[in-house]
């Protein structure tokens, strides 16, 4: 684990990047992911210092991507570059900086551009994805939907036609205004449990995924007036 003075300094820096009132990707998301990443890291015998540093910094540019609508800007890539500057300035060893940056660059579920190669990166990936599903994931999805002024639930006649029209090859969304929470579940979140890397993550994801699937199934029925 990190020495307290370094932990305090890293959090102080990270707080300057995270939005104050973003429940989906702000500090409370980071704190939840951190608790899970550390617990998974203990089970998987990971380097907890690397896990902690990477988790605190992993979403520093997420908000910039979400509201920029700039094709090609990827928060995991740009965030990794920014984290390298931060950690180098703090005087951390190159080996540590490289390990943390790999964790950040490979934590995203959509792109698949960089797969987690180290156990530390796998711990962050799994912890971050656990926060996307289950009860907490459902609430976060609602916050994201409302933030982008989307309908929470939207019926589409042809899900594959919608995918071709509004989802890029790398999984990113072309026009967020056309998206919705249930479409995000159908096209992305349903697959999360099968993408976990660690045995601990796989075990925890199975129950959370079942809850989320049941929620959207019931929501769809209730919205249609089914008894």
C-alpha atoms as a PDB file:
ATOM      1  CA  UNK A   1       0.000   0.000   0.000  1.00  0.00           C
ATOM      2  CA  UNK A   2       1.048   3.609  -0.469  1.00  0.00           C
ATOM      3  CA  UNK A   3       2.805   5.602   2.199  1.00  0.00           C
ATOM      4  CA  UNK A   4       0.343   8.120   3.620  1.00  0.00           C
ATOM      5  CA  UNK A   5       2.164  11.290   2.420  1.00  0.00           C
ATOM      6  CA  UNK A   6       2.216   9.971  -1.171  1.00  0.00           C
ATOM      7  CA  UNK A   7      -1.417   8.835  -0.977  1.00  0.00           C
ATOM      8  CA  UNK A   8      -2.480  12.270   0.245  1.00  0.00           C
ATOM      9  CA  UNK A   9      -0.561  14.021  -2.530  1.00  0.00           C
ATOM     10  CA  UNK A  10      -1.927  11.776  -5.292  1.00  0.00           C
ATOM     11  CA  UNK A  11      -5.500  12.254  -4.080  1.00  0.00           C
ATOM     12  CA  UNK A  12      -4.963  16.000  -3.904  1.00  0.00           C
ATOM     13  CA  UNK A  13      -3.847  16.022  -7.539  1.00  0.00           C
ATOM     14  CA  UNK A  14      -6.578  13.625  -8.673  1.00  0.00           C
ATOM     15  CA  UNK A  15      -9.286  15.728  -7.037  1.00  0.00           C
ATOM     16  CA  UNK A  16      -8.385  18.614  -9.321  1.00  0.00           C
ATOM     17  CA  UNK A  17      -9.400  16.466 -12.318  1.00  0.00           C
ATOM     18  CA  UNK A  18     -12.555  14.764 -11.068  1.00  0.00           C
ATOM     19  CA  UNK A  19     -15.877  16.645 -11.294  1.00  0.00           C
ATOM     20  CA  UNK A  20     -17.323  17.627  -7.938  1.00  0.00           C
ATOM     21  CA  UNK A  21     -20.861  16.450  -8.669  1.00  0.00           C
ATOM     22  CA  UNK A  22     -20.400  13.491 -11.007  1.00  0.00           C
ATOM     23  CA  UNK A  23     -21.793  10.483  -9.176  1.00  0.00           C
ATOM     24  CA  UNK A  24     -21.056   8.166 -12.081  1.00  0.00           C
ATOM     25  CA  UNK A  25     -17.384   9.028 -12.647  1.00  0.00           C
ATOM     26  CA  UNK A  26     -16.416  11.357  -9.813  1.00  0.00           C
ATOM     27  CA  UNK A  27     -14.509  10.641  -6.627  1.00  0.00           C
ATOM     28  CA  UNK A  28     -17.149   8.353  -5.122  1.00  0.00           C
ATOM     29  CA  UNK A  29     -16.829   6.065  -8.162  1.00  0.00           C
ATOM     30  CA  UNK A  30     -13.059   6.073  -7.723  1.00  0.00           C
ATOM     31  CA  UNK A  31     -13.354   5.267  -4.021  1.00  0.00           C
ATOM     32  CA  UNK A  32     -15.698   2.331  -4.688  1.00  0.00           C
ATOM     33  CA  UNK A  33     -13.437   0.956  -7.400  1.00  0.00           C
ATOM     34  CA  UNK A  34     -10.413   1.404  -5.158  1.00  0.00           C
ATOM     35  CA  UNK A  35     -11.941  -0.689  -2.367  1.00  0.00           C
ATOM     36  CA  UNK A  36     -12.774  -3.467  -4.809  1.00  0.00           C
ATOM     37  CA  UNK A  37      -9.431  -3.279  -6.621  1.00  0.00           C
ATOM     38  CA  UNK A  38      -7.515  -3.562  -3.352  1.00  0.00           C
ATOM     39  CA  UNK A  39      -9.611  -6.524  -2.208  1.00  0.00           C
ATOM     40  CA  UNK A  40      -9.209  -8.263  -5.560  1.00  0.00           C
ATOM     41  CA  UNK A  41      -5.505  -7.402  -5.465  1.00  0.00           C
ATOM     42  CA  UNK A  42      -5.118  -9.056  -2.066  1.00  0.00           C
ATOM     43  CA  UNK A  43      -6.820 -12.213  -3.332  1.00  0.00           C
ATOM     44  CA  UNK A  44      -4.754 -12.223  -6.530  1.00  0.00           C
ATOM     45  CA  UNK A  45      -1.451 -11.288  -4.814  1.00  0.00           C
ATOM     46  CA  UNK A  46      -0.971  -8.130  -6.847  1.00  0.00           C
ATOM     47  CA  UNK A  47       1.315  -5.192  -6.067  1.00  0.00           C
ATOM     48  CA  UNK A  48      -1.140  -3.072  -4.088  1.00  0.00           C
ATOM     49  CA  UNK A  49       0.885   0.117  -4.520  1.00  0.00           C
ATOM     50  CA  UNK A  50       0.516  -0.131  -8.288  1.00  0.00           C
ATOM     51  CA  UNK A  51      -3.164  -0.995  -7.960  1.00  0.00           C
ATOM     52  CA  UNK A  52      -3.842   1.964  -5.678  1.00  0.00           C
ATOM     53  CA  UNK A  53      -1.997   4.541  -7.785  1.00  0.00           C
ATOM     54  CA  UNK A  54      -3.622   3.337 -11.001  1.00  0.00           C
ATOM     55  CA  UNK A  55      -7.103   3.259  -9.531  1.00  0.00           C
ATOM     56  CA  UNK A  56      -6.933   6.758  -8.084  1.00  0.00           C
ATOM     57  CA  UNK A  57      -5.837   8.164 -11.457  1.00  0.00           C
ATOM     58  CA  UNK A  58      -7.612   5.897 -13.934  1.00  0.00           C
ATOM     59  CA  UNK A  59     -10.512   8.216 -14.882  1.00  0.00           C
ATOM     60  CA  UNK A  60      -8.869  11.648 -14.683  1.00  0.00           C
ATOM     61  CA  UNK A  61      -9.772  12.416 -18.319  1.00  0.00           C
ATOM     62  CA  UNK A  62     -13.089  10.532 -18.507  1.00  0.00           C
ATOM     63  CA  UNK A  63     -15.185  13.651 -18.069  1.00  0.00           C
ATOM     64  CA  UNK A  64     -13.215  15.464 -20.749  1.00  0.00           C
ATOM     65  CA  UNK A  65     -13.959  12.712 -23.261  1.00  0.00           C
ATOM     66  CA  UNK A  66     -17.618  12.355 -22.261  1.00  0.00           C
ATOM     67  CA  UNK A  67     -18.392  16.003 -22.909  1.00  0.00           C
ATOM     68  CA  UNK A  68     -15.996  16.814 -25.720  1.00  0.00           C
ATOM     69  CA  UNK A  69     -17.617  14.755 -28.504  1.00  0.00           C
ATOM     70  CA  UNK A  70     -14.195  14.578 -30.119  1.00  0.00           C
ATOM     71  CA  UNK A  71     -13.745  11.448 -32.174  1.00  0.00           C
ATOM     72  CA  UNK A  72     -10.396   9.902 -31.390  1.00  0.00           C
ATOM     73  CA  UNK A  73     -10.041  11.371 -27.883  1.00  0.00           C
ATOM     74  CA  UNK A  74      -9.842   8.400 -25.542  1.00  0.00           C
ATOM     75  CA  UNK A  75      -9.720   8.985 -21.818  1.00  0.00           C
ATOM     76  CA  UNK A  76      -7.717   5.843 -21.081  1.00  0.00           C
ATOM     77  CA  UNK A  77      -4.974   6.822 -23.553  1.00  0.00           C
ATOM     78  CA  UNK A  78      -4.814  10.501 -22.695  1.00  0.00           C
ATOM     79  CA  UNK A  79      -5.272   9.753 -19.001  1.00  0.00           C
ATOM     80  CA  UNK A  80      -2.309   7.386 -19.095  1.00  0.00           C
ATOM     81  CA  UNK A  81      -0.139  10.103 -20.617  1.00  0.00           C
ATOM     82  CA  UNK A  82      -1.262  12.598 -17.994  1.00  0.00           C
ATOM     83  CA  UNK A  83      -0.679  10.108 -15.180  1.00  0.00           C
ATOM     84  CA  UNK A  84       2.870   9.588 -16.453  1.00  0.00           C
ATOM     85  CA  UNK A  85       3.522  13.314 -16.137  1.00  0.00           C
ATOM     86  CA  UNK A  86       2.008  13.413 -12.645  1.00  0.00           C
ATOM     87  CA  UNK A  87       3.883  10.405 -11.293  1.00  0.00           C
ATOM     88  CA  UNK A  88       7.178  11.381 -12.896  1.00  0.00           C
ATOM     89  CA  UNK A  89       6.913  14.814 -11.331  1.00  0.00           C
ATOM     90  CA  UNK A  90       6.317  13.138  -7.962  1.00  0.00           C
ATOM     91  CA  UNK A  91       9.595  11.280  -8.411  1.00  0.00           C
ATOM     92  CA  UNK A  92       8.327   7.714  -8.688  1.00  0.00           C
ATOM     93  CA  UNK A  93      10.551   5.091 -10.274  1.00  0.00           C
ATOM     94  CA  UNK A  94      10.196   4.495 -14.009  1.00  0.00           C
ATOM     95  CA  UNK A  95       9.211   0.878 -13.387  1.00  0.00           C
ATOM     96  CA  UNK A  96       6.345   1.977 -11.147  1.00  0.00           C
ATOM     97  CA  UNK A  97       5.223   4.678 -13.568  1.00  0.00           C
ATOM     98  CA  UNK A  98       5.217   2.230 -16.479  1.00  0.00           C
ATOM     99  CA  UNK A  99       3.198  -0.313 -14.512  1.00  0.00           C
ATOM    100  CA  UNK A 100       0.612   2.255 -13.420  1.00  0.00           C
ATOM    101  CA  UNK A 101       0.252   3.684 -16.925  1.00  0.00           C
ATOM    102  CA  UNK A 102      -0.334   0.240 -18.386  1.00  0.00           C
ATOM    103  CA  UNK A 103      -3.136  -0.315 -15.875  1.00  0.00           C
ATOM    104  CA  UNK A 104      -4.794   2.954 -16.856  1.00  0.00           C
ATOM    105  CA  UNK A 105      -4.381   2.448 -20.591  1.00  0.00           C
ATOM    106  CA  UNK A 106      -5.907  -1.029 -20.464  1.00  0.00           C
ATOM    107  CA  UNK A 107      -8.825  -0.450 -18.067  1.00  0.00           C
ATOM    108  CA  UNK A 108     -11.490   0.422 -20.641  1.00  0.00           C
ATOM    109  CA  UNK A 109     -14.090  -2.150 -21.643  1.00  0.00           C
ATOM    110  CA  UNK A 110     -15.103  -0.625 -24.974  1.00  0.00           C
ATOM    111  CA  UNK A 111     -11.967  -0.382 -27.018  1.00  0.00           C
ATOM    112  CA  UNK A 112      -9.953  -3.536 -26.549  1.00  0.00           C
ATOM    113  CA  UNK A 113      -7.002  -1.621 -27.968  1.00  0.00           C
ATOM    114  CA  UNK A 114      -4.799  -2.514 -25.023  1.00  0.00           C
ATOM    115  CA  UNK A 115      -5.561  -5.661 -23.076  1.00  0.00           C
ATOM    116  CA  UNK A 116      -4.501  -5.906 -19.415  1.00  0.00           C
ATOM    117  CA  UNK A 117      -1.258  -7.881 -19.292  1.00  0.00           C
ATOM    118  CA  UNK A 118      -0.314  -7.650 -15.610  1.00  0.00           C
ATOM    119  CA  UNK A 119      -2.220  -8.860 -12.583  1.00  0.00           C
ATOM    120  CA  UNK A 120      -2.414  -5.256 -11.364  1.00  0.00           C
ATOM    121  CA  UNK A 121      -4.038  -4.139 -14.619  1.00  0.00           C
ATOM    122  CA  UNK A 122      -6.476  -7.043 -14.408  1.00  0.00           C
ATOM    123  CA  UNK A 123      -7.421  -6.082 -10.851  1.00  0.00           C
ATOM    124  CA  UNK A 124      -8.212  -2.507 -11.915  1.00  0.00           C
ATOM    125  CA  UNK A 125     -10.125  -3.654 -15.000  1.00  0.00           C
ATOM    126  CA  UNK A 126     -12.286  -6.069 -13.014  1.00  0.00           C
ATOM    127  CA  UNK A 127     -12.957  -3.636 -10.162  1.00  0.00           C
ATOM    128  CA  UNK A 128     -13.914  -0.853 -12.576  1.00  0.00           C
ATOM    129  CA  UNK A 129     -16.242  -3.178 -14.462  1.00  0.00           C
ATOM    130  CA  UNK A 130     -17.894  -4.422 -11.269  1.00  0.00           C
ATOM    131  CA  UNK A 131     -18.944  -0.823 -10.653  1.00  0.00           C
ATOM    132  CA  UNK A 132     -20.677  -0.848 -14.078  1.00  0.00           C
ATOM    133  CA  UNK A 133     -23.059  -3.680 -13.236  1.00  0.00           C
ATOM    134  CA  UNK A 134     -25.376  -4.766 -10.460  1.00  0.00           C
ATOM    135  CA  UNK A 135     -27.444  -2.307  -8.439  1.00  0.00           C
ATOM    136  CA  UNK A 136     -24.735   0.342  -8.433  1.00  0.00           C
ATOM    137  CA  UNK A 137     -24.228  -0.066 -12.172  1.00  0.00           C
ATOM    138  CA  UNK A 138     -27.933   0.443 -12.818  1.00  0.00           C
ATOM    139  CA  UNK A 139     -27.947   3.695 -10.854  1.00  0.00           C
ATOM    140  CA  UNK A 140     -24.740   4.890 -12.540  1.00  0.00           C
ATOM    141  CA  UNK A 141     -26.256   4.127 -15.926  1.00  0.00           C
ATOM    142  CA  UNK A 142     -29.227   6.314 -15.018  1.00  0.00           C
ATOM    143  CA  UNK A 143     -26.934   9.194 -14.040  1.00  0.00           C
ATOM    144  CA  UNK A 144     -25.027   8.917 -17.322  1.00  0.00           C
ATOM    145  CA  UNK A 145     -28.302   8.813 -19.255  1.00  0.00           C
ATOM    146  CA  UNK A 146     -29.659  11.909 -17.567  1.00  0.00           C
ATOM    147  CA  UNK A 147     -26.319  13.705 -17.903  1.00  0.00           C
ATOM    148  CA  UNK A 148     -26.498  13.249 -21.685  1.00  0.00           C
ATOM    149  CA  UNK A 149     -30.215  14.158 -21.761  1.00  0.00           C
ATOM    150  CA  UNK A 150     -31.122  10.707 -23.020  1.00  0.00           C
ATOM    151  CA  UNK A 151     -34.282   8.732 -22.559  1.00  0.00           C
ATOM    152  CA  UNK A 152     -33.650   6.224 -19.784  1.00  0.00           C
ATOM    153  CA  UNK A 153     -35.423   3.468 -21.718  1.00  0.00           C
ATOM    154  CA  UNK A 154     -35.815   3.446 -25.476  1.00  0.00           C
ATOM    155  CA  UNK A 155     -37.400   0.815 -27.686  1.00  0.00           C
ATOM    156  CA  UNK A 156     -35.710   0.129 -31.025  1.00  0.00           C
ATOM    157  CA  UNK A 157     -37.138  -2.130 -33.710  1.00  0.00           C
ATOM    158  CA  UNK A 158     -33.777  -3.410 -34.918  1.00  0.00           C
ATOM    159  CA  UNK A 159     -30.980  -3.457 -32.356  1.00  0.00           C
ATOM    160  CA  UNK A 160     -28.340  -4.408 -34.925  1.00  0.00           C
ATOM    161  CA  UNK A 161     -29.377  -1.569 -37.234  1.00  0.00           C
ATOM    162  CA  UNK A 162     -29.057   0.797 -34.290  1.00  0.00           C
ATOM    163  CA  UNK A 163     -25.627  -0.613 -33.516  1.00  0.00           C
ATOM    164  CA  UNK A 164     -24.442   0.001 -37.064  1.00  0.00           C
ATOM    165  CA  UNK A 165     -25.898   3.502 -37.056  1.00  0.00           C
ATOM    166  CA  UNK A 166     -24.709   4.791 -33.680  1.00  0.00           C
ATOM    167  CA  UNK A 167     -21.918   2.556 -32.347  1.00  0.00           C
ATOM    168  CA  UNK A 168     -18.398   2.751 -33.749  1.00  0.00           C
ATOM    169  CA  UNK A 169     -16.291  -0.328 -34.386  1.00  0.00           C
ATOM    170  CA  UNK A 170     -14.429   0.247 -31.119  1.00  0.00           C
ATOM    171  CA  UNK A 171     -17.700   0.372 -29.171  1.00  0.00           C
ATOM    172  CA  UNK A 172     -17.813   4.111 -28.552  1.00  0.00           C
ATOM    173  CA  UNK A 173     -21.077   5.971 -29.124  1.00  0.00           C
ATOM    174  CA  UNK A 174     -21.378   8.351 -32.072  1.00  0.00           C
ATOM    175  CA  UNK A 175     -24.338  10.433 -30.868  1.00  0.00           C
ATOM    176  CA  UNK A 176     -24.985  10.041 -27.116  1.00  0.00           C
ATOM    177  CA  UNK A 177     -28.367  11.782 -27.458  1.00  0.00           C
ATOM    178  CA  UNK A 178     -29.686   8.771 -29.405  1.00  0.00           C
ATOM    179  CA  UNK A 179     -28.544   6.316 -26.763  1.00  0.00           C
ATOM    180  CA  UNK A 180     -30.283   5.166 -23.574  1.00  0.00           C
ATOM    181  CA  UNK A 181     -29.618   3.208 -20.414  1.00  0.00           C
ATOM    182  CA  UNK A 182     -31.279   0.019 -21.652  1.00  0.00           C
ATOM    183  CA  UNK A 183     -29.437   0.189 -24.972  1.00  0.00           C
ATOM    184  CA  UNK A 184     -26.173   0.547 -23.083  1.00  0.00           C
ATOM    185  CA  UNK A 185     -27.091  -2.544 -21.109  1.00  0.00           C
ATOM    186  CA  UNK A 186     -28.081  -4.498 -24.204  1.00  0.00           C
ATOM    187  CA  UNK A 187     -25.062  -3.536 -26.309  1.00  0.00           C
ATOM    188  CA  UNK A 188     -22.309  -3.258 -23.715  1.00  0.00           C
ATOM    189  CA  UNK A 189     -23.038  -4.049 -20.081  1.00  0.00           C
ATOM    190  CA  UNK A 190     -24.492  -7.499 -20.737  1.00  0.00           C
ATOM    191  CA  UNK A 191     -21.059  -8.644 -21.877  1.00  0.00           C
ATOM    192  CA  UNK A 192     -19.126  -7.334 -18.874  1.00  0.00           C
ATOM    193  CA  UNK A 193     -19.344 -10.433 -16.680  1.00  0.00           C
ATOM    194  CA  UNK A 194     -17.798 -12.565 -19.425  1.00  0.00           C
ATOM    195  CA  UNK A 195     -14.864 -10.203 -19.817  1.00  0.00           C
ATOM    196  CA  UNK A 196     -13.493 -10.396 -16.284  1.00  0.00           C
ATOM    197  CA  UNK A 197      -9.881 -11.479 -15.902  1.00  0.00           C
ATOM    198  CA  UNK A 198      -9.457 -12.558 -12.289  1.00  0.00           C
ATOM    199  CA  UNK A 199     -11.167 -15.444 -10.552  1.00  0.00           C
ATOM    200  CA  UNK A 200     -12.332 -13.055  -7.840  1.00  0.00           C
ATOM    201  CA  UNK A 201     -13.782 -10.685 -10.414  1.00  0.00           C
ATOM    202  CA  UNK A 202     -15.569 -13.475 -12.277  1.00  0.00           C
ATOM    203  CA  UNK A 203     -17.204 -14.699  -9.080  1.00  0.00           C
ATOM    204  CA  UNK A 204     -18.428 -11.253  -8.049  1.00  0.00           C
ATOM    205  CA  UNK A 205     -19.577 -10.283 -11.549  1.00  0.00           C
ATOM    206  CA  UNK A 206     -21.844 -13.280 -11.988  1.00  0.00           C
ATOM    207  CA  UNK A 207     -24.269 -12.211  -9.246  1.00  0.00           C
ATOM    208  CA  UNK A 208     -24.196  -8.528 -10.189  1.00  0.00           C
ATOM    209  CA  UNK A 209     -24.865  -9.288 -13.850  1.00  0.00           C
ATOM    210  CA  UNK A 210     -27.859 -11.467 -12.961  1.00  0.00           C
ATOM    211  CA  UNK A 211     -29.353  -8.620 -10.915  1.00  0.00           C
ATOM    212  CA  UNK A 212     -28.901  -6.109 -13.724  1.00  0.00           C
ATOM    213  CA  UNK A 213     -30.346  -8.435 -16.358  1.00  0.00           C
ATOM    214  CA  UNK A 214     -33.404  -9.043 -14.179  1.00  0.00           C
ATOM    215  CA  UNK A 215     -33.872  -5.314 -13.561  1.00  0.00           C
ATOM    216  CA  UNK A 216     -33.939  -4.352 -17.249  1.00  0.00           C
ATOM    217  CA  UNK A 217     -36.124  -7.323 -18.104  1.00  0.00           C
ATOM    218  CA  UNK A 218     -38.657  -6.289 -15.466  1.00  0.00           C
ATOM    219  CA  UNK A 219     -38.419  -2.594 -16.389  1.00  0.00           C
ATOM    220  CA  UNK A 220     -39.212  -3.382 -20.011  1.00  0.00           C
ATOM    221  CA  UNK A 221     -42.253  -5.429 -18.998  1.00  0.00           C
ATOM    222  CA  UNK A 222     -43.556  -2.776 -16.627  1.00  0.00           C
ATOM    223  CA  UNK A 223     -43.147  -0.008 -19.199  1.00  0.00           C
ATOM    224  CA  UNK A 224     -45.182  -2.099 -21.620  1.00  0.00           C
ATOM    225  CA  UNK A 225     -47.867  -2.535 -18.990  1.00  0.00           C
ATOM    226  CA  UNK A 226     -47.350  -6.282 -18.710  1.00  0.00           C
ATOM    227  CA  UNK A 227     -48.696  -7.873 -15.529  1.00  0.00           C
END
